[in-house]
mmCIF file of all heavy atoms, coordinates in Angstrom:
data_MODEL
# 
_entry.id   MODEL 
# 
loop_
_atom_site.group_PDB 
_atom_site.id 
_atom_site.type_symbol 
_atom_site.label_atom_id 
_atom_site.label_alt_id 
_atom_site.label_comp_id 
_atom_site.label_asym_id 
_atom_site.label_entity_id 
_atom_site.label_seq_id 
_atom_site.pdbx_PDB_ins_code 
_atom_site.Cartn_x 
_atom_site.Cartn_y 
_atom_site.Cartn_z 
_atom_site.occupancy 
_atom_site.B_iso_or_equiv 
_atom_site.pdbx_formal_charge 
_atom_site.auth_seq_id 
_atom_site.auth_comp_id 
_atom_site.auth_asym_id 
_atom_site.auth_atom_id 
_atom_site.pdbx_PDB_model_num 
ATOM 1   N N   . GLU A 1 1  ? 1.952  14.541 19.037 1.00 0.00 ? 1  GLU A N   1 
ATOM 2   C CA  . GLU A 1 1  ? 2.236  15.824 18.398 1.00 0.00 ? 1  GLU A CA  1 
ATOM 3   C C   . GLU A 1 1  ? 3.523  15.683 17.588 1.00 0.00 ? 1  GLU A C   1 
ATOM 4   O O   . GLU A 1 1  ? 4.575  16.215 17.939 1.00 0.00 ? 1  GLU A O   1 
ATOM 5   C CB  . GLU A 1 1  ? 2.326  16.938 19.441 1.00 0.00 ? 1  GLU A CB  1 
ATOM 6   C CG  . GLU A 1 1  ? 1.019  17.148 20.192 1.00 0.00 ? 1  GLU A CG  1 
ATOM 7   C CD  . GLU A 1 1  ? 0.940  18.491 20.882 1.00 0.00 ? 1  GLU A CD  1 
ATOM 8   O OE1 . GLU A 1 1  ? 1.504  19.472 20.366 1.00 0.00 ? 1  GLU A OE1 1 
ATOM 9   O OE2 . GLU A 1 1  ? 0.306  18.559 21.955 1.00 0.00 ? 1  GLU A OE2 1 
ATOM 10  N N   . VAL A 1 2  ? 3.401  14.927 16.503 1.00 0.00 ? 2  VAL A N   1 
ATOM 11  C CA  . VAL A 1 2  ? 4.542  14.616 15.641 1.00 0.00 ? 2  VAL A CA  1 
ATOM 12  C C   . VAL A 1 2  ? 4.147  14.849 14.191 1.00 0.00 ? 2  VAL A C   1 
ATOM 13  O O   . VAL A 1 2  ? 2.971  14.983 13.851 1.00 0.00 ? 2  VAL A O   1 
ATOM 14  C CB  . VAL A 1 2  ? 4.997  13.152 15.833 1.00 0.00 ? 2  VAL A CB  1 
ATOM 15  C CG1 . VAL A 1 2  ? 5.478  12.919 17.256 1.00 0.00 ? 2  VAL A CG1 1 
ATOM 16  C CG2 . VAL A 1 2  ? 3.876  12.183 15.486 1.00 0.00 ? 2  VAL A CG2 1 
ATOM 17  N N   . GLU A 1 3  ? 5.150  14.867 13.331 1.00 0.00 ? 3  GLU A N   1 
ATOM 18  C CA  . GLU A 1 3  ? 4.912  15.166 11.917 1.00 0.00 ? 3  GLU A CA  1 
ATOM 19  C C   . GLU A 1 3  ? 4.048  14.113 11.240 1.00 0.00 ? 3  GLU A C   1 
ATOM 20  O O   . GLU A 1 3  ? 3.197  14.424 10.403 1.00 0.00 ? 3  GLU A O   1 
ATOM 21  C CB  . GLU A 1 3  ? 6.256  15.292 11.184 1.00 0.00 ? 3  GLU A CB  1 
ATOM 22  C CG  . GLU A 1 3  ? 6.112  15.735 9.729  1.00 0.00 ? 3  GLU A CG  1 
ATOM 23  C CD  . GLU A 1 3  ? 7.455  15.944 9.055  1.00 0.00 ? 3  GLU A CD  1 
ATOM 24  O OE1 . GLU A 1 3  ? 8.494  15.574 9.650  1.00 0.00 ? 3  GLU A OE1 1 
ATOM 25  O OE2 . GLU A 1 3  ? 7.468  16.478 7.933  1.00 0.00 ? 3  GLU A OE2 1 
ATOM 26  N N   . SER A 1 4  ? 4.243  12.839 11.600 1.00 0.00 ? 4  SER A N   1 
ATOM 27  C CA  . SER A 1 4  ? 3.486  11.739 10.966 1.00 0.00 ? 4  SER A CA  1 
ATOM 28  C C   . SER A 1 4  ? 2.800  10.903 12.036 1.00 0.00 ? 4  SER A C   1 
ATOM 29  O O   . SER A 1 4  ? 3.211  9.764  12.328 1.00 0.00 ? 4  SER A O   1 
ATOM 30  C CB  . SER A 1 4  ? 4.424  10.869 10.121 1.00 0.00 ? 4  SER A CB  1 
ATOM 31  O OG  . SER A 1 4  ? 5.078  11.637 9.137  1.00 0.00 ? 4  SER A OG  1 
ATOM 32  N N   . PRO A 1 5  ? 1.716  11.421 12.632 1.00 0.00 ? 5  PRO A N   1 
ATOM 33  C CA  . PRO A 1 5  ? 1.078  10.697 13.742 1.00 0.00 ? 5  PRO A CA  1 
ATOM 34  C C   . PRO A 1 5  ? 0.480  9.357  13.340 1.00 0.00 ? 5  PRO A C   1 
ATOM 35  O O   . PRO A 1 5  ? 0.475  8.417  14.146 1.00 0.00 ? 5  PRO A O   1 
ATOM 36  C CB  . PRO A 1 5  ? -0.004 11.677 14.214 1.00 0.00 ? 5  PRO A CB  1 
ATOM 37  C CG  . PRO A 1 5  ? -0.274 12.563 13.041 1.00 0.00 ? 5  PRO A CG  1 
ATOM 38  C CD  . PRO A 1 5  ? 1.044  12.693 12.348 1.00 0.00 ? 5  PRO A CD  1 
ATOM 39  N N   . TRP A 1 6  ? -0.018 9.236  12.098 1.00 0.00 ? 6  TRP A N   1 
ATOM 40  C CA  . TRP A 1 6  ? -0.642 7.973  11.695 1.00 0.00 ? 6  TRP A CA  1 
ATOM 41  C C   . TRP A 1 6  ? 0.391  6.874  11.484 1.00 0.00 ? 6  TRP A C   1 
ATOM 42  O O   . TRP A 1 6  ? 0.066  5.689  11.538 1.00 0.00 ? 6  TRP A O   1 
ATOM 43  C CB  . TRP A 1 6  ? -1.490 8.172  10.437 1.00 0.00 ? 6  TRP A CB  1 
ATOM 44  C CG  . TRP A 1 6  ? -2.765 8.903  10.746 1.00 0.00 ? 6  TRP A CG  1 
ATOM 45  C CD1 . TRP A 1 6  ? -3.031 10.221 10.542 1.00 0.00 ? 6  TRP A CD1 1 
ATOM 46  C CD2 . TRP A 1 6  ? -3.931 8.351  11.364 1.00 0.00 ? 6  TRP A CD2 1 
ATOM 47  N NE1 . TRP A 1 6  ? -4.303 10.530 10.988 1.00 0.00 ? 6  TRP A NE1 1 
ATOM 48  C CE2 . TRP A 1 6  ? -4.878 9.414  11.494 1.00 0.00 ? 6  TRP A CE2 1 
ATOM 49  C CE3 . TRP A 1 6  ? -4.284 7.096  11.820 1.00 0.00 ? 6  TRP A CE3 1 
ATOM 50  C CZ2 . TRP A 1 6  ? -6.137 9.228  12.064 1.00 0.00 ? 6  TRP A CZ2 1 
ATOM 51  C CZ3 . TRP A 1 6  ? -5.546 6.900  12.384 1.00 0.00 ? 6  TRP A CZ3 1 
ATOM 52  C CH2 . TRP A 1 6  ? -6.446 7.957  12.497 1.00 0.00 ? 6  TRP A CH2 1 
ATOM 53  N N   . GLU A 1 7  ? 1.628  7.249  11.248 1.00 0.00 ? 7  GLU A N   1 
ATOM 54  C CA  . GLU A 1 7  ? 2.697  6.247  11.192 1.00 0.00 ? 7  GLU A CA  1 
ATOM 55  C C   . GLU A 1 7  ? 3.079  5.806  12.605 1.00 0.00 ? 7  GLU A C   1 
ATOM 56  O O   . GLU A 1 7  ? 3.242  4.617  12.874 1.00 0.00 ? 7  GLU A O   1 
ATOM 57  C CB  . GLU A 1 7  ? 3.919  6.817  10.467 1.00 0.00 ? 7  GLU A CB  1 
ATOM 58  C CG  . GLU A 1 7  ? 3.723  7.048  8.987  1.00 0.00 ? 7  GLU A CG  1 
ATOM 59  C CD  . GLU A 1 7  ? 4.978  7.568  8.320  1.00 0.00 ? 7  GLU A CD  1 
ATOM 60  O OE1 . GLU A 1 7  ? 6.063  7.501  8.936  1.00 0.00 ? 7  GLU A OE1 1 
ATOM 61  O OE2 . GLU A 1 7  ? 4.878  8.068  7.180  1.00 0.00 ? 7  GLU A OE2 1 
ATOM 62  N N   . LEU A 1 8  ? 3.192  6.776  13.505 1.00 0.00 ? 8  LEU A N   1 
ATOM 63  C CA  . LEU A 1 8  ? 3.584  6.452  14.883 1.00 0.00 ? 8  LEU A CA  1 
ATOM 64  C C   . LEU A 1 8  ? 2.512  5.642  15.599 1.00 0.00 ? 8  LEU A C   1 
ATOM 65  O O   . LEU A 1 8  ? 2.820  4.775  16.426 1.00 0.00 ? 8  LEU A O   1 
ATOM 66  C CB  . LEU A 1 8  ? 3.882  7.739  15.659 1.00 0.00 ? 8  LEU A CB  1 
ATOM 67  C CG  . LEU A 1 8  ? 4.423  7.557  17.081 1.00 0.00 ? 8  LEU A CG  1 
ATOM 68  C CD1 . LEU A 1 8  ? 5.719  6.753  17.079 1.00 0.00 ? 8  LEU A CD1 1 
ATOM 69  C CD2 . LEU A 1 8  ? 4.632  8.911  17.751 1.00 0.00 ? 8  LEU A CD2 1 
ATOM 70  N N   . VAL A 1 9  ? 1.237  5.903  15.289 1.00 0.00 ? 9  VAL A N   1 
ATOM 71  C CA  . VAL A 1 9  ? 0.165  5.208  16.005 1.00 0.00 ? 9  VAL A CA  1 
ATOM 72  C C   . VAL A 1 9  ? 0.220  3.695  15.780 1.00 0.00 ? 9  VAL A C   1 
ATOM 73  O O   . VAL A 1 9  ? -0.288 2.920  16.603 1.00 0.00 ? 9  VAL A O   1 
ATOM 74  C CB  . VAL A 1 9  ? -1.217 5.775  15.594 1.00 0.00 ? 9  VAL A CB  1 
ATOM 75  C CG1 . VAL A 1 9  ? -1.671 5.223  14.254 1.00 0.00 ? 9  VAL A CG1 1 
ATOM 76  C CG2 . VAL A 1 9  ? -2.269 5.477  16.671 1.00 0.00 ? 9  VAL A CG2 1 
ATOM 77  N N   . GLU A 1 10 ? 0.855  3.266  14.702 1.00 0.00 ? 10 GLU A N   1 
ATOM 78  C CA  . GLU A 1 10 ? 0.999  1.826  14.448 1.00 0.00 ? 10 GLU A CA  1 
ATOM 79  C C   . GLU A 1 10 ? 1.882  1.153  15.499 1.00 0.00 ? 10 GLU A C   1 
ATOM 80  O O   . GLU A 1 10 ? 1.833  -0.061 15.674 1.00 0.00 ? 10 GLU A O   1 
ATOM 81  C CB  . GLU A 1 10 ? 1.589  1.602  13.057 1.00 0.00 ? 10 GLU A CB  1 
ATOM 82  C CG  . GLU A 1 10 ? 0.668  2.003  11.919 1.00 0.00 ? 10 GLU A CG  1 
ATOM 83  C CD  . GLU A 1 10 ? -0.640 1.231  11.944 1.00 0.00 ? 10 GLU A CD  1 
ATOM 84  O OE1 . GLU A 1 10 ? -0.600 0.003  12.165 1.00 0.00 ? 10 GLU A OE1 1 
ATOM 85  O OE2 . GLU A 1 10 ? -1.705 1.860  11.762 1.00 0.00 ? 10 GLU A OE2 1 
ATOM 86  N N   . HIS A 1 11 ? 2.690  1.950  16.203 1.00 0.00 ? 11 HIS A N   1 
ATOM 87  C CA  . HIS A 1 11 ? 3.563  1.409  17.254 1.00 0.00 ? 11 HIS A CA  1 
ATOM 88  C C   . HIS A 1 11 ? 2.907  1.457  18.637 1.00 0.00 ? 11 HIS A C   1 
ATOM 89  O O   . HIS A 1 11 ? 3.488  0.989  19.618 1.00 0.00 ? 11 HIS A O   1 
ATOM 90  C CB  . HIS A 1 11 ? 4.879  2.203  17.301 1.00 0.00 ? 11 HIS A CB  1 
ATOM 91  C CG  . HIS A 1 11 ? 5.693  2.095  16.054 1.00 0.00 ? 11 HIS A CG  1 
ATOM 92  N ND1 . HIS A 1 11 ? 6.571  1.063  15.819 1.00 0.00 ? 11 HIS A ND1 1 
ATOM 93  C CD2 . HIS A 1 11 ? 5.748  2.889  14.947 1.00 0.00 ? 11 HIS A CD2 1 
ATOM 94  C CE1 . HIS A 1 11 ? 7.151  1.221  14.645 1.00 0.00 ? 11 HIS A CE1 1 
ATOM 95  N NE2 . HIS A 1 11 ? 6.663  2.330  14.087 1.00 0.00 ? 11 HIS A NE2 1 
ATOM 96  N N   . ILE A 1 12 ? 1.706  2.036  18.721 1.00 0.00 ? 12 ILE A N   1 
ATOM 97  C CA  . ILE A 1 12 ? 1.022  2.184  20.009 1.00 0.00 ? 12 ILE A CA  1 
ATOM 98  C C   . ILE A 1 12 ? 0.081  1.010  20.236 1.00 0.00 ? 12 ILE A C   1 
ATOM 99  O O   . ILE A 1 12 ? -0.792 0.711  19.417 1.00 0.00 ? 12 ILE A O   1 
ATOM 100 C CB  . ILE A 1 12 ? 0.226  3.512  20.053 1.00 0.00 ? 12 ILE A CB  1 
ATOM 101 C CG1 . ILE A 1 12 ? 1.156  4.703  19.843 1.00 0.00 ? 12 ILE A CG1 1 
ATOM 102 C CG2 . ILE A 1 12 ? -0.522 3.620  21.375 1.00 0.00 ? 12 ILE A CG2 1 
ATOM 103 C CD1 . ILE A 1 12 ? 2.257  4.842  20.870 1.00 0.00 ? 12 ILE A CD1 1 
ATOM 104 N N   . ARG A 1 13 ? 0.248  0.335  21.369 1.00 0.00 ? 13 ARG A N   1 
ATOM 105 C CA  . ARG A 1 13 ? -0.599 -0.804 21.715 1.00 0.00 ? 13 ARG A CA  1 
ATOM 106 C C   . ARG A 1 13 ? -1.547 -0.515 22.879 1.00 0.00 ? 13 ARG A C   1 
ATOM 107 O O   . ARG A 1 13 ? -2.604 -1.141 22.973 1.00 0.00 ? 13 ARG A O   1 
ATOM 108 C CB  . ARG A 1 13 ? 0.273  -2.018 22.075 1.00 0.00 ? 13 ARG A CB  1 
ATOM 109 C CG  . ARG A 1 13 ? 1.166  -2.493 20.956 1.00 0.00 ? 13 ARG A CG  1 
ATOM 110 C CD  . ARG A 1 13 ? 1.821  -3.829 21.292 1.00 0.00 ? 13 ARG A CD  1 
ATOM 111 N NE  . ARG A 1 13 ? 2.508  -3.810 22.587 1.00 0.00 ? 13 ARG A NE  1 
ATOM 112 C CZ  . ARG A 1 13 ? 3.730  -3.322 22.779 1.00 0.00 ? 13 ARG A CZ  1 
ATOM 113 N NH1 . ARG A 1 13 ? 4.402  -2.782 21.769 1.00 0.00 ? 13 ARG A NH1 1 
ATOM 114 N NH2 . ARG A 1 13 ? 4.291  -3.357 23.973 1.00 0.00 ? 13 ARG A NH2 1 
ATOM 115 N N   . HIS A 1 14 ? -1.152 0.388  23.768 1.00 0.00 ? 14 HIS A N   1 
ATOM 116 C CA  . HIS A 1 14 ? -1.942 0.602  24.977 1.00 0.00 ? 14 HIS A CA  1 
ATOM 117 C C   . HIS A 1 14 ? -2.173 2.097  25.219 1.00 0.00 ? 14 HIS A C   1 
ATOM 118 O O   . HIS A 1 14 ? -1.224 2.833  25.507 1.00 0.00 ? 14 HIS A O   1 
ATOM 119 C CB  . HIS A 1 14 ? -1.228 0.009  26.195 1.00 0.00 ? 14 HIS A CB  1 
ATOM 120 C CG  . HIS A 1 14 ? -0.734 -1.380 25.998 1.00 0.00 ? 14 HIS A CG  1 
ATOM 121 N ND1 . HIS A 1 14 ? -1.552 -2.414 25.617 1.00 0.00 ? 14 HIS A ND1 1 
ATOM 122 C CD2 . HIS A 1 14 ? 0.519  -1.920 26.112 1.00 0.00 ? 14 HIS A CD2 1 
ATOM 123 C CE1 . HIS A 1 14 ? -0.850 -3.527 25.523 1.00 0.00 ? 14 HIS A CE1 1 
ATOM 124 N NE2 . HIS A 1 14 ? 0.412  -3.249 25.817 1.00 0.00 ? 14 HIS A NE2 1 
ATOM 125 N N   . ALA A 1 15 ? -3.418 2.533  25.122 1.00 0.00 ? 15 ALA A N   1 
ATOM 126 C CA  . ALA A 1 15 ? -3.785 3.917  25.439 1.00 0.00 ? 15 ALA A CA  1 
ATOM 127 C C   . ALA A 1 15 ? -5.304 4.003  25.499 1.00 0.00 ? 15 ALA A C   1 
ATOM 128 O O   . ALA A 1 15 ? -6.004 3.351  24.712 1.00 0.00 ? 15 ALA A O   1 
ATOM 129 C CB  . ALA A 1 15 ? -3.243 4.892  24.395 1.00 0.00 ? 15 ALA A CB  1 
ATOM 130 N N   . GLY A 1 16 ? -5.805 4.807  26.441 1.00 0.00 ? 16 GLY A N   1 
ATOM 131 C CA  . GLY A 1 16 ? -7.253 4.958  26.554 1.00 0.00 ? 16 GLY A CA  1 
ATOM 132 C C   . GLY A 1 16 ? -7.850 5.710  25.386 1.00 0.00 ? 16 GLY A C   1 
ATOM 133 O O   . GLY A 1 16 ? -8.825 5.283  24.777 1.00 0.00 ? 16 GLY A O   1 
ATOM 134 N N   . ALA A 1 17 ? -7.250 6.861  25.055 1.00 0.00 ? 17 ALA A N   1 
ATOM 135 C CA  . ALA A 1 17 ? -7.660 7.657  23.899 1.00 0.00 ? 17 ALA A CA  1 
ATOM 136 C C   . ALA A 1 17 ? -6.405 8.240  23.268 1.00 0.00 ? 17 ALA A C   1 
ATOM 137 O O   . ALA A 1 17 ? -5.486 8.661  23.973 1.00 0.00 ? 17 ALA A O   1 
ATOM 138 C CB  . ALA A 1 17 ? -8.619 8.768  24.307 1.00 0.00 ? 17 ALA A CB  1 
ATOM 139 N N   . ILE A 1 18 ? -6.367 8.270  21.941 1.00 0.00 ? 18 ILE A N   1 
ATOM 140 C CA  . ILE A 1 18 ? -5.194 8.755  21.217 1.00 0.00 ? 18 ILE A CA  1 
ATOM 141 C C   . ILE A 1 18 ? -5.590 9.987  20.407 1.00 0.00 ? 18 ILE A C   1 
ATOM 142 O O   . ILE A 1 18 ? -6.540 9.949  19.626 1.00 0.00 ? 18 ILE A O   1 
ATOM 143 C CB  . ILE A 1 18 ? -4.633 7.664  20.292 1.00 0.00 ? 18 ILE A CB  1 
ATOM 144 C CG1 . ILE A 1 18 ? -4.317 6.395  21.094 1.00 0.00 ? 18 ILE A CG1 1 
ATOM 145 C CG2 . ILE A 1 18 ? -3.381 8.165  19.575 1.00 0.00 ? 18 ILE A CG2 1 
ATOM 146 C CD1 . ILE A 1 18 ? -3.923 5.198  20.237 1.00 0.00 ? 18 ILE A CD1 1 
ATOM 147 N N   . PHE A 1 19 ? -4.850 11.065 20.596 1.00 0.00 ? 19 PHE A N   1 
ATOM 148 C CA  . PHE A 1 19 ? -5.114 12.338 19.925 1.00 0.00 ? 19 PHE A CA  1 
ATOM 149 C C   . PHE A 1 19 ? -3.998 12.568 18.907 1.00 0.00 ? 19 PHE A C   1 
ATOM 150 O O   . PHE A 1 19 ? -2.834 12.719 19.275 1.00 0.00 ? 19 PHE A O   1 
ATOM 151 C CB  . PHE A 1 19 ? -5.166 13.469 20.948 1.00 0.00 ? 19 PHE A CB  1 
ATOM 152 C CG  . PHE A 1 19 ? -6.215 13.249 22.008 1.00 0.00 ? 19 PHE A CG  1 
ATOM 153 C CD1 . PHE A 1 19 ? -5.954 12.431 23.112 1.00 0.00 ? 19 PHE A CD1 1 
ATOM 154 C CD2 . PHE A 1 19 ? -7.462 13.835 21.914 1.00 0.00 ? 19 PHE A CD2 1 
ATOM 155 C CE1 . PHE A 1 19 ? -6.917 12.202 24.080 1.00 0.00 ? 19 PHE A CE1 1 
ATOM 156 C CE2 . PHE A 1 19 ? -8.435 13.623 22.877 1.00 0.00 ? 19 PHE A CE2 1 
ATOM 157 C CZ  . PHE A 1 19 ? -8.165 12.807 23.967 1.00 0.00 ? 19 PHE A CZ  1 
ATOM 158 N N   . LEU A 1 20 ? -4.359 12.602 17.645 1.00 0.00 ? 20 LEU A N   1 
ATOM 159 C CA  . LEU A 1 20 ? -3.358 12.615 16.587 1.00 0.00 ? 20 LEU A CA  1 
ATOM 160 C C   . LEU A 1 20 ? -3.187 14.010 15.984 1.00 0.00 ? 20 LEU A C   1 
ATOM 161 O O   . LEU A 1 20 ? -4.164 14.642 15.573 1.00 0.00 ? 20 LEU A O   1 
ATOM 162 C CB  . LEU A 1 20 ? -3.742 11.627 15.482 1.00 0.00 ? 20 LEU A CB  1 
ATOM 163 C CG  . LEU A 1 20 ? -3.744 10.153 15.916 1.00 0.00 ? 20 LEU A CG  1 
ATOM 164 C CD1 . LEU A 1 20 ? -5.137 9.680  16.259 1.00 0.00 ? 20 LEU A CD1 1 
ATOM 165 C CD2 . LEU A 1 20 ? -3.135 9.273  14.836 1.00 0.00 ? 20 LEU A CD2 1 
ATOM 166 N N   . GLY A 1 21 ? -1.936 14.472 15.940 1.00 0.00 ? 21 GLY A N   1 
ATOM 167 C CA  . GLY A 1 21 ? -1.615 15.717 15.272 1.00 0.00 ? 21 GLY A CA  1 
ATOM 168 C C   . GLY A 1 21 ? -1.570 16.921 16.181 1.00 0.00 ? 21 GLY A C   1 
ATOM 169 O O   . GLY A 1 21 ? -2.076 16.910 17.305 1.00 0.00 ? 21 GLY A O   1 
ATOM 170 N N   . ASN A 1 22 ? -0.975 17.988 15.672 1.00 0.00 ? 22 ASN A N   1 
ATOM 171 C CA  . ASN A 1 22 ? -0.761 19.191 16.464 1.00 0.00 ? 22 ASN A CA  1 
ATOM 172 C C   . ASN A 1 22 ? -2.025 20.020 16.692 1.00 0.00 ? 22 ASN A C   1 
ATOM 173 O O   . ASN A 1 22 ? -2.011 20.936 17.523 1.00 0.00 ? 22 ASN A O   1 
ATOM 174 C CB  . ASN A 1 22 ? 0.311  20.057 15.790 1.00 0.00 ? 22 ASN A CB  1 
ATOM 175 C CG  . ASN A 1 22 ? 1.674  19.381 15.785 1.00 0.00 ? 22 ASN A CG  1 
ATOM 176 O OD1 . ASN A 1 22 ? 2.124  18.891 16.808 1.00 0.00 ? 22 ASN A OD1 1 
ATOM 177 N ND2 . ASN A 1 22 ? 2.322  19.340 14.637 1.00 0.00 ? 22 ASN A ND2 1 
ATOM 178 N N   . SER A 1 23 ? -3.092 19.736 15.984 1.00 0.00 ? 23 SER A N   1 
ATOM 179 C CA  . SER A 1 23 ? -4.339 20.503 16.154 1.00 0.00 ? 23 SER A CA  1 
ATOM 180 C C   . SER A 1 23 ? -5.386 19.737 16.947 1.00 0.00 ? 23 SER A C   1 
ATOM 181 O O   . SER A 1 23 ? -6.576 20.065 16.896 1.00 0.00 ? 23 SER A O   1 
ATOM 182 C CB  . SER A 1 23 ? -4.896 20.886 14.775 1.00 0.00 ? 23 SER A CB  1 
ATOM 183 O OG  . SER A 1 23 ? -4.024 21.730 14.093 1.00 0.00 ? 23 SER A OG  1 
ATOM 184 N N   . THR A 1 24 ? -4.955 18.699 17.683 1.00 0.00 ? 24 THR A N   1 
ATOM 185 C CA  . THR A 1 24 ? -5.905 17.861 18.427 1.00 0.00 ? 24 THR A CA  1 
ATOM 186 C C   . THR A 1 24 ? -5.515 17.783 19.892 1.00 0.00 ? 24 THR A C   1 
ATOM 187 O O   . THR A 1 24 ? -5.008 16.759 20.368 1.00 0.00 ? 24 THR A O   1 
ATOM 188 C CB  . THR A 1 24 ? -5.966 16.442 17.821 1.00 0.00 ? 24 THR A CB  1 
ATOM 189 O OG1 . THR A 1 24 ? -5.960 16.511 16.405 1.00 0.00 ? 24 THR A OG1 1 
ATOM 190 C CG2 . THR A 1 24 ? -7.239 15.725 18.279 1.00 0.00 ? 24 THR A CG2 1 
# 
């Protein structure tokens, strides 16, 4: 839940499911 989730997701290596943005 950040302003630029697609930028932050590049730093994520381990997660079962990733929900991007404030409306998800």
